[in-house]
């Protein structure tokens, strides 16, 4: 297998990292909200809704920020990666 140069590795990171981060963030967000969302827990009709745990809220905020970063860096990463791969020194 051929060794990749620093320029090629950087280009591949710029192309793959934002998309991978978005996909992983979306999957984790869906799983966490599906399992740990207290509004989905069964309760009797006479009981009040269960308050949202602070850990659940913090996890949602972290995942939201990770998703935001991935969306903001996606287009510049694609452009940078293509430019780095298409130009030679």
PDB file of N, CA and C in Angstrom:
ATOM      1  N   UNK A   1       0.834  -1.177   0.000  1.00  0.00           N
ATOM      2  CA  UNK A   1       0.000   0.000   0.000  1.00  0.00           C
ATOM      3  C   UNK A   1       0.884   1.248   0.000  1.00  0.00           C
ATOM      4  N   UNK A   2       0.544   2.195  -0.828  1.00  0.00           N
ATOM      5  CA  UNK A   2       1.340   3.411  -0.956  1.00  0.00           C
ATOM      6  C   UNK A   2       1.152   4.307   0.255  1.00  0.00           C
ATOM      7  N   UNK A   3       2.243   4.978   0.613  1.00  0.00           N
ATOM      8  CA  UNK A   3       2.168   5.928   1.731  1.00  0.00           C
ATOM      9  C   UNK A   3       1.530   7.226   1.242  1.00  0.00           C
ATOM     10  N   UNK A   4       0.691   7.768   2.088  1.00  0.00           N
ATOM     11  CA  UNK A   4       0.035   9.031   1.763  1.00  0.00           C
ATOM     12  C   UNK A   4       0.845  10.182   2.327  1.00  0.00           C
ATOM     13  N   UNK A   5       0.945  11.244   1.570  1.00  0.00           N
ATOM     14  CA  UNK A   5       1.650  12.429   2.027  1.00  0.00           C
ATOM     15  C   UNK A   5       0.783  13.242   2.980  1.00  0.00           C
ATOM     16  N   UNK A   6       1.408  14.222   3.603  1.00  0.00           N
ATOM     17  CA  UNK A   6       0.679  15.090   4.535  1.00  0.00           C
ATOM     18  C   UNK A   6      -0.446  15.841   3.834  1.00  0.00           C
ATOM     19  N   UNK A   7      -0.188  16.251   2.622  1.00  0.00           N
ATOM     20  CA  UNK A   7      -1.176  17.012   1.860  1.00  0.00           C
ATOM     21  C   UNK A   7      -2.403  16.142   1.551  1.00  0.00           C
ATOM     22  N   UNK A   8      -2.165  14.901   1.171  1.00  0.00           N
ATOM     23  CA  UNK A   8      -3.267  13.984   0.858  1.00  0.00           C
ATOM     24  C   UNK A   8      -4.047  13.625   2.111  1.00  0.00           C
ATOM     25  N   UNK A   9      -3.347  13.385   3.208  1.00  0.00           N
ATOM     26  CA  UNK A   9      -4.033  13.085   4.474  1.00  0.00           C
ATOM     27  C   UNK A   9      -4.896  14.261   4.923  1.00  0.00           C
ATOM     28  N   UNK A  10      -4.351  15.459   4.808  1.00  0.00           N
ATOM     29  CA  UNK A  10      -5.122  16.655   5.162  1.00  0.00           C
ATOM     30  C   UNK A  10      -6.349  16.819   4.281  1.00  0.00           C
ATOM     31  N   UNK A  11      -6.194  16.523   3.003  1.00  0.00           N
ATOM     32  CA  UNK A  11      -7.326  16.626   2.078  1.00  0.00           C
ATOM     33  C   UNK A  11      -8.404  15.612   2.419  1.00  0.00           C
ATOM     34  N   UNK A  12      -7.998  14.388   2.722  1.00  0.00           N
ATOM     35  CA  UNK A  12      -8.977  13.359   3.087  1.00  0.00           C
ATOM     36  C   UNK A  12      -9.679  13.706   4.397  1.00  0.00           C
ATOM     37  N   UNK A  13      -8.941  14.246   5.357  1.00  0.00           N
ATOM     38  CA  UNK A  13      -9.573  14.682   6.612  1.00  0.00           C
ATOM     39  C   UNK A  13     -10.580  15.789   6.343  1.00  0.00           C
ATOM     40  N   UNK A  14     -10.221  16.724   5.496  1.00  0.00           N
ATOM     41  CA  UNK A  14     -11.133  17.835   5.191  1.00  0.00           C
ATOM     42  C   UNK A  14     -12.388  17.345   4.478  1.00  0.00           C
ATOM     43  N   UNK A  15     -12.262  16.301   3.677  1.00  0.00           N
ATOM     44  CA  UNK A  15     -13.410  15.758   2.966  1.00  0.00           C
ATOM     45  C   UNK A  15     -14.290  14.873   3.849  1.00  0.00           C
ATOM     46  N   UNK A  16     -13.676  14.034   4.662  1.00  0.00           N
ATOM     47  CA  UNK A  16     -14.414  12.993   5.386  1.00  0.00           C
ATOM     48  C   UNK A  16     -14.894  13.430   6.767  1.00  0.00           C
ATOM     49  N   UNK A  17     -14.097  14.197   7.488  1.00  0.00           N
ATOM     50  CA  UNK A  17     -14.401  14.508   8.890  1.00  0.00           C
ATOM     51  C   UNK A  17     -15.741  15.218   9.108  1.00  0.00           C
ATOM     52  N   UNK A  18     -16.068  16.297   8.383  1.00  0.00           N
ATOM     53  CA  UNK A  18     -17.348  16.962   8.647  1.00  0.00           C
ATOM     54  C   UNK A  18     -18.564  16.077   8.369  1.00  0.00           C
ATOM     55  N   UNK A  19     -18.499  15.300   7.301  1.00  0.00           N
ATOM     56  CA  UNK A  19     -19.614  14.415   6.972  1.00  0.00           C
ATOM     57  C   UNK A  19     -19.754  13.316   8.012  1.00  0.00           C
ATOM     58  N   UNK A  20     -18.643  12.730   8.414  1.00  0.00           N
ATOM     59  CA  UNK A  20     -18.673  11.681   9.437  1.00  0.00           C
ATOM     60  C   UNK A  20     -19.195  12.224  10.765  1.00  0.00           C
ATOM     61  N   UNK A  21     -18.742  13.413  11.138  1.00  0.00           N
ATOM     62  CA  UNK A  21     -19.209  14.022  12.379  1.00  0.00           C
ATOM     63  C   UNK A  21     -20.714  14.263  12.335  1.00  0.00           C
ATOM     64  N   UNK A  22     -21.230  14.713  11.202  1.00  0.00           N
ATOM     65  CA  UNK A  22     -22.663  14.944  11.071  1.00  0.00           C
ATOM     66  C   UNK A  22     -23.450  13.638  11.196  1.00  0.00           C
ATOM     67  N   UNK A  23     -22.993  12.599  10.528  1.00  0.00           N
ATOM     68  CA  UNK A  23     -23.698  11.314  10.561  1.00  0.00           C
ATOM     69  C   UNK A  23     -23.691  10.727  11.969  1.00  0.00           C
ATOM     70  N   UNK A  24     -22.532  10.739  12.617  1.00  0.00           N
ATOM     71  CA  UNK A  24     -22.433  10.195  13.973  1.00  0.00           C
ATOM     72  C   UNK A  24     -23.273  11.009  14.949  1.00  0.00           C
ATOM     73  N   UNK A  25     -23.233  12.327  14.825  1.00  0.00           N
ATOM     74  CA  UNK A  25     -24.021  13.192  15.694  1.00  0.00           C
ATOM     75  C   UNK A  25     -25.510  12.944  15.511  1.00  0.00           C
ATOM     76  N   UNK A  26     -25.953  12.819  14.278  1.00  0.00           N
ATOM     77  CA  UNK A  26     -27.370  12.579  14.000  1.00  0.00           C
ATOM     78  C   UNK A  26     -27.828  11.243  14.577  1.00  0.00           C
ATOM     79  N   UNK A  27     -27.017  10.206  14.404  1.00  0.00           N
ATOM     80  CA  UNK A  27     -27.372   8.881  14.941  1.00  0.00           C
ATOM     81  C   UNK A  27     -27.411   8.913  16.459  1.00  0.00           C
ATOM     82  N   UNK A  28     -26.407   9.499  17.102  1.00  0.00           N
ATOM     83  CA  UNK A  28     -26.395   9.590  18.568  1.00  0.00           C
ATOM     84  C   UNK A  28     -27.566  10.411  19.088  1.00  0.00           C
ATOM     85  N   UNK A  29     -27.864  11.506  18.413  1.00  0.00           N
ATOM     86  CA  UNK A  29     -28.986  12.347  18.810  1.00  0.00           C
ATOM     87  C   UNK A  29     -30.298  11.562  18.747  1.00  0.00           C
ATOM     88  N   UNK A  30     -30.486  10.807  17.676  1.00  0.00           N
ATOM     89  CA  UNK A  30     -31.703  10.014  17.529  1.00  0.00           C
ATOM     90  C   UNK A  30     -31.787   8.927  18.595  1.00  0.00           C
ATOM     91  N   UNK A  31     -30.697   8.235  18.853  1.00  0.00           N
ATOM     92  CA  UNK A  31     -30.704   7.158  19.849  1.00  0.00           C
ATOM     93  C   UNK A  31     -30.939   7.707  21.249  1.00  0.00           C
ATOM     94  N   UNK A  32     -30.217   8.759  21.611  1.00  0.00           N
ATOM     95  CA  UNK A  32     -30.356   9.327  22.951  1.00  0.00           C
ATOM     96  C   UNK A  32     -31.772   9.846  23.177  1.00  0.00           C
ATOM     97  N   UNK A  33     -32.333  10.524  22.192  1.00  0.00           N
ATOM     98  CA  UNK A  33     -33.679  11.051  22.359  1.00  0.00           C
ATOM     99  C   UNK A  33     -34.733   9.959  22.342  1.00  0.00           C
ATOM    100  N   UNK A  34     -34.478   8.886  21.642  1.00  0.00           N
ATOM    101  CA  UNK A  34     -35.429   7.780  21.596  1.00  0.00           C
ATOM    102  C   UNK A  34     -35.442   7.019  22.913  1.00  0.00           C
ATOM    103  N   UNK A  35     -34.278   6.820  23.506  1.00  0.00           N
ATOM    104  CA  UNK A  35     -34.184   6.024  24.737  1.00  0.00           C
ATOM    105  C   UNK A  35     -34.432   6.865  25.985  1.00  0.00           C
ATOM    106  N   UNK A  36     -33.808   8.024  26.078  1.00  0.00           N
ATOM    107  CA  UNK A  36     -33.790   8.771  27.333  1.00  0.00           C
ATOM    108  C   UNK A  36     -34.777   9.922  27.421  1.00  0.00           C
ATOM    109  N   UNK A  37     -35.584  10.163  26.422  1.00  0.00           N
ATOM    110  CA  UNK A  37     -36.535  11.270  26.456  1.00  0.00           C
ATOM    111  C   UNK A  37     -37.657  10.955  27.446  1.00  0.00           C
ATOM    112  N   UNK A  38     -37.795  11.733  28.523  1.00  0.00           N
ATOM    113  CA  UNK A  38     -38.797  11.407  29.545  1.00  0.00           C
ATOM    114  C   UNK A  38     -40.233  11.586  29.079  1.00  0.00           C
ATOM    115  N   UNK A  39     -40.478  12.322  28.015  1.00  0.00           N
ATOM    116  CA  UNK A  39     -41.854  12.448  27.543  1.00  0.00           C
ATOM    117  C   UNK A  39     -42.329  11.180  26.846  1.00  0.00           C
ATOM    118  N   UNK A  40     -41.403  10.290  26.522  1.00  0.00           N
ATOM    119  CA  UNK A  40     -41.771   9.031  25.892  1.00  0.00           C
ATOM    120  C   UNK A  40     -42.007   7.924  26.925  1.00  0.00           C
ATOM    121  N   UNK A  41     -41.644   8.176  28.192  1.00  0.00           N
ATOM    122  CA  UNK A  41     -41.816   7.162  29.216  1.00  0.00           C
ATOM    123  C   UNK A  41     -43.292   7.032  29.558  1.00  0.00           C
ATOM    124  N   UNK A  42     -43.804   5.821  29.704  1.00  0.00           N
ATOM    125  CA  UNK A  42     -45.231   5.664  30.028  1.00  0.00           C
ATOM    126  C   UNK A  42     -45.544   6.146  31.450  1.00  0.00           C
ATOM    127  N   UNK A  43     -46.595   6.923  31.582  1.00  0.00           N
ATOM    128  CA  UNK A  43     -47.056   7.397  32.892  1.00  0.00           C
ATOM    129  C   UNK A  43     -48.580   7.262  32.925  1.00  0.00           C
ATOM    130  N   UNK A  44     -49.091   7.232  34.120  1.00  0.00           N
ATOM    131  CA  UNK A  44     -50.543   7.194  34.266  1.00  0.00           C
ATOM    132  C   UNK A  44     -51.127   8.540  33.850  1.00  0.00           C
ATOM    133  N   UNK A  45     -52.382   8.543  33.490  1.00  0.00           N
ATOM    134  CA  UNK A  45     -53.022   9.785  33.031  1.00  0.00           C
ATOM    135  C   UNK A  45     -53.092  10.850  34.112  1.00  0.00           C
ATOM    136  N   UNK A  46     -53.111  10.445  35.366  1.00  0.00           N
ATOM    137  CA  UNK A  46     -53.253  11.404  36.456  1.00  0.00           C
ATOM    138  C   UNK A  46     -51.910  11.966  36.910  1.00  0.00           C
ATOM    139  N   UNK A  47     -50.801  11.366  36.484  1.00  0.00           N
ATOM    140  CA  UNK A  47     -49.476  11.831  36.917  1.00  0.00           C
ATOM    141  C   UNK A  47     -48.985  12.967  36.022  1.00  0.00           C
ATOM    142  N   UNK A  48     -48.178  13.829  36.620  1.00  0.00           N
ATOM    143  CA  UNK A  48     -47.554  14.904  35.857  1.00  0.00           C
ATOM    144  C   UNK A  48     -46.421  14.330  35.018  1.00  0.00           C
ATOM    145  N   UNK A  49     -46.038  15.064  33.991  1.00  0.00           N
ATOM    146  CA  UNK A  49     -44.925  14.617  33.159  1.00  0.00           C
ATOM    147  C   UNK A  49     -43.634  14.627  33.976  1.00  0.00           C
ATOM    148  N   UNK A  50     -42.764  13.702  33.659  1.00  0.00           N
ATOM    149  CA  UNK A  50     -41.479  13.617  34.331  1.00  0.00           C
ATOM    150  C   UNK A  50     -40.586  14.759  33.849  1.00  0.00           C
ATOM    151  N   UNK A  51     -39.936  15.466  34.788  1.00  0.00           N
ATOM    152  CA  UNK A  51     -39.052  16.554  34.337  1.00  0.00           C
ATOM    153  C   UNK A  51     -37.846  15.992  33.574  1.00  0.00           C
ATOM    154  N   UNK A  52     -37.333  16.784  32.671  1.00  0.00           N
ATOM    155  CA  UNK A  52     -36.185  16.362  31.866  1.00  0.00           C
ATOM    156  C   UNK A  52     -34.928  16.369  32.731  1.00  0.00           C
ATOM    157  N   UNK A  53     -34.198  15.249  32.769  1.00  0.00           N
ATOM    158  CA  UNK A  53     -32.955  15.200  33.543  1.00  0.00           C
ATOM    159  C   UNK A  53     -31.893  16.139  32.966  1.00  0.00           C
ATOM    160  N   UNK A  54     -31.043  16.667  33.826  1.00  0.00           N
ATOM    161  CA  UNK A  54     -30.026  17.630  33.395  1.00  0.00           C
ATOM    162  C   UNK A  54     -28.998  16.980  32.476  1.00  0.00           C
ATOM    163  N   UNK A  55     -28.674  15.716  32.711  1.00  0.00           N
ATOM    164  CA  UNK A  55     -27.713  15.015  31.849  1.00  0.00           C
ATOM    165  C   UNK A  55     -28.232  14.881  30.425  1.00  0.00           C
ATOM    166  N   UNK A  56     -29.524  14.640  30.298  1.00  0.00           N
ATOM    167  CA  UNK A  56     -30.163  14.545  28.980  1.00  0.00           C
ATOM    168  C   UNK A  56     -30.079  15.886  28.266  1.00  0.00           C
ATOM    169  N   UNK A  57     -30.317  16.952  28.976  1.00  0.00           N
ATOM    170  CA  UNK A  57     -30.250  18.293  28.390  1.00  0.00           C
ATOM    171  C   UNK A  57     -28.824  18.624  27.958  1.00  0.00           C
ATOM    172  N   UNK A  58     -27.854  18.301  28.794  1.00  0.00           N
ATOM    173  CA  UNK A  58     -26.448  18.570  28.468  1.00  0.00           C
ATOM    174  C   UNK A  58     -26.023  17.760  27.247  1.00  0.00           C
ATOM    175  N   UNK A  59     -26.440  16.492  27.176  1.00  0.00           N
ATOM    176  CA  UNK A  59     -26.104  15.657  26.014  1.00  0.00           C
ATOM    177  C   UNK A  59     -26.705  16.238  24.741  1.00  0.00           C
ATOM    178  N   UNK A  60     -27.933  16.727  24.816  1.00  0.00           N
ATOM    179  CA  UNK A  60     -28.558  17.335  23.641  1.00  0.00           C
ATOM    180  C   UNK A  60     -27.836  18.604  23.209  1.00  0.00           C
ATOM    181  N   UNK A  61     -27.388  19.410  24.162  1.00  0.00           N
ATOM    182  CA  UNK A  61     -26.663  20.640  23.835  1.00  0.00           C
ATOM    183  C   UNK A  61     -25.330  20.305  23.165  1.00  0.00           C
ATOM    184  N   UNK A  62     -24.607  19.329  23.712  1.00  0.00           N
ATOM    185  CA  UNK A  62     -23.318  18.933  23.131  1.00  0.00           C
ATOM    186  C   UNK A  62     -23.511  18.391  21.716  1.00  0.00           C
ATOM    187  N   UNK A  63     -24.520  17.550  21.532  1.00  0.00           N
ATOM    188  CA  UNK A  63     -24.780  17.004  20.199  1.00  0.00           C
ATOM    189  C   UNK A  63     -25.233  18.098  19.228  1.00  0.00           C
ATOM    190  N   UNK A  64     -26.004  19.057  19.704  1.00  0.00           N
ATOM    191  CA  UNK A  64     -26.417  20.175  18.860  1.00  0.00           C
ATOM    192  C   UNK A  64     -25.199  20.981  18.408  1.00  0.00           C
ATOM    193  N   UNK A  65     -24.279  21.257  19.337  1.00  0.00           N
ATOM    194  CA  UNK A  65     -23.077  22.015  18.984  1.00  0.00           C
ATOM    195  C   UNK A  65     -22.192  21.234  18.011  1.00  0.00           C
ATOM    196  N   UNK A  66     -22.053  19.924  18.221  1.00  0.00           N
ATOM    197  CA  UNK A  66     -21.265  19.104  17.300  1.00  0.00           C
ATOM    198  C   UNK A  66     -21.896  19.097  15.911  1.00  0.00           C
ATOM    199  N   UNK A  67     -23.215  18.991  15.843  1.00  0.00           N
ATOM    200  CA  UNK A  67     -23.904  19.043  14.558  1.00  0.00           C
ATOM    201  C   UNK A  67     -23.746  20.383  13.879  1.00  0.00           C
ATOM    202  N   UNK A  68     -23.802  21.453  14.660  1.00  0.00           N
ATOM    203  CA  UNK A  68     -23.616  22.796  14.111  1.00  0.00           C
ATOM    204  C   UNK A  68     -22.217  22.954  13.526  1.00  0.00           C
ATOM    205  N   UNK A  69     -21.221  22.481  14.254  1.00  0.00           N
ATOM    206  CA  UNK A  69     -19.837  22.556  13.767  1.00  0.00           C
ATOM    207  C   UNK A  69     -19.683  21.768  12.475  1.00  0.00           C
ATOM    208  N   UNK A  70     -20.294  20.582  12.422  1.00  0.00           N
ATOM    209  CA  UNK A  70     -20.160  19.767  11.212  1.00  0.00           C
ATOM    210  C   UNK A  70     -20.832  20.424  10.015  1.00  0.00           C
ATOM    211  N   UNK A  71     -21.971  21.060  10.224  1.00  0.00           N
ATOM    212  CA  UNK A  71     -22.662  21.723   9.111  1.00  0.00           C
ATOM    213  C   UNK A  71     -21.886  22.955   8.650  1.00  0.00           C
ATOM    214  N   UNK A  72     -21.333  23.715   9.585  1.00  0.00           N
ATOM    215  CA  UNK A  72     -20.578  24.917   9.231  1.00  0.00           C
ATOM    216  C   UNK A  72     -19.291  24.561   8.488  1.00  0.00           C
ATOM    217  N   UNK A  73     -18.643  23.459   8.867  1.00  0.00           N
ATOM    218  CA  UNK A  73     -17.360  23.100   8.257  1.00  0.00           C
ATOM    219  C   UNK A  73     -17.501  22.198   7.042  1.00  0.00           C
ATOM    220  N   UNK A  74     -18.711  21.778   6.704  1.00  0.00           N
ATOM    221  CA  UNK A  74     -18.880  20.822   5.611  1.00  0.00           C
ATOM    222  C   UNK A  74     -18.454  21.406   4.258  1.00  0.00           C
ATOM    223  N   UNK A  75     -19.037  22.520   3.840  1.00  0.00           N
ATOM    224  CA  UNK A  75     -18.724  23.085   2.525  1.00  0.00           C
ATOM    225  C   UNK A  75     -17.268  23.561   2.420  1.00  0.00           C
ATOM    226  N   UNK A  76     -16.734  24.288   3.410  1.00  0.00           N
ATOM    227  CA  UNK A  76     -15.315  24.645   3.305  1.00  0.00           C
ATOM    228  C   UNK A  76     -14.401  23.407   3.287  1.00  0.00           C
ATOM    229  N   UNK A  77     -14.788  22.352   4.010  1.00  0.00           N
ATOM    230  CA  UNK A  77     -13.984  21.131   3.998  1.00  0.00           C
ATOM    231  C   UNK A  77     -13.996  20.456   2.643  1.00  0.00           C
ATOM    232  N   UNK A  78     -15.161  20.415   2.009  1.00  0.00           N
ATOM    233  CA  UNK A  78     -15.261  19.826   0.671  1.00  0.00           C
ATOM    234  C   UNK A  78     -14.412  20.622  -0.321  1.00  0.00           C
ATOM    235  N   UNK A  79     -14.532  21.928  -0.279  1.00  0.00           N
ATOM    236  CA  UNK A  79     -13.775  22.773  -1.208  1.00  0.00           C
ATOM    237  C   UNK A  79     -12.274  22.631  -0.968  1.00  0.00           C
ATOM    238  N   UNK A  80     -11.852  22.701   0.297  1.00  0.00           N
ATOM    239  CA  UNK A  80     -10.430  22.584   0.628  1.00  0.00           C
ATOM    240  C   UNK A  80      -9.896  21.227   0.229  1.00  0.00           C
ATOM    241  N   UNK A  81     -10.638  20.175   0.521  1.00  0.00           N
ATOM    242  CA  UNK A  81     -10.189  18.825   0.173  1.00  0.00           C
ATOM    243  C   UNK A  81     -10.030  18.633  -1.315  1.00  0.00           C
ATOM    244  N   UNK A  82     -10.990  19.138  -2.088  1.00  0.00           N
ATOM    245  CA  UNK A  82     -10.902  19.009  -3.548  1.00  0.00           C
ATOM    246  C   UNK A  82      -9.717  19.795  -4.087  1.00  0.00           C
ATOM    247  N   UNK A  83      -9.513  20.996  -3.575  1.00  0.00           N
ATOM    248  CA  UNK A  83      -8.385  21.818  -4.043  1.00  0.00           C
ATOM    249  C   UNK A  83      -7.058  21.148  -3.689  1.00  0.00           C
ATOM    250  N   UNK A  84      -6.951  20.613  -2.472  1.00  0.00           N
ATOM    251  CA  UNK A  84      -5.701  19.973  -2.068  1.00  0.00           C
ATOM    252  C   UNK A  84      -5.439  18.703  -2.882  1.00  0.00           C
ATOM    253  N   UNK A  85      -6.488  17.958  -3.200  1.00  0.00           N
ATOM    254  CA  UNK A  85      -6.281  16.735  -3.979  1.00  0.00           C
ATOM    255  C   UNK A  85      -6.007  17.015  -5.453  1.00  0.00           C
ATOM    256  N   UNK A  86      -6.551  18.094  -5.983  1.00  0.00           N
ATOM    257  CA  UNK A  86      -6.408  18.345  -7.416  1.00  0.00           C
ATOM    258  C   UNK A  86      -5.152  19.123  -7.778  1.00  0.00           C
ATOM    259  N   UNK A  87      -4.528  19.763  -6.802  1.00  0.00           N
ATOM    260  CA  UNK A  87      -3.298  20.516  -7.097  1.00  0.00           C
ATOM    261  C   UNK A  87      -2.101  19.766  -6.561  1.00  0.00           C
ATOM    262  N   UNK A  88      -1.029  19.859  -7.276  1.00  0.00           N
ATOM    263  CA  UNK A  88       0.238  19.237  -6.858  1.00  0.00           C
ATOM    264  C   UNK A  88       1.227  20.333  -6.531  1.00  0.00           C
ATOM    265  N   UNK A  89       2.223  19.956  -5.721  1.00  0.00           N
ATOM    266  CA  UNK A  89       3.275  20.917  -5.408  1.00  0.00           C
ATOM    267  C   UNK A  89       4.152  21.154  -6.604  1.00  0.00           C
TER     268      UNK A  89
END
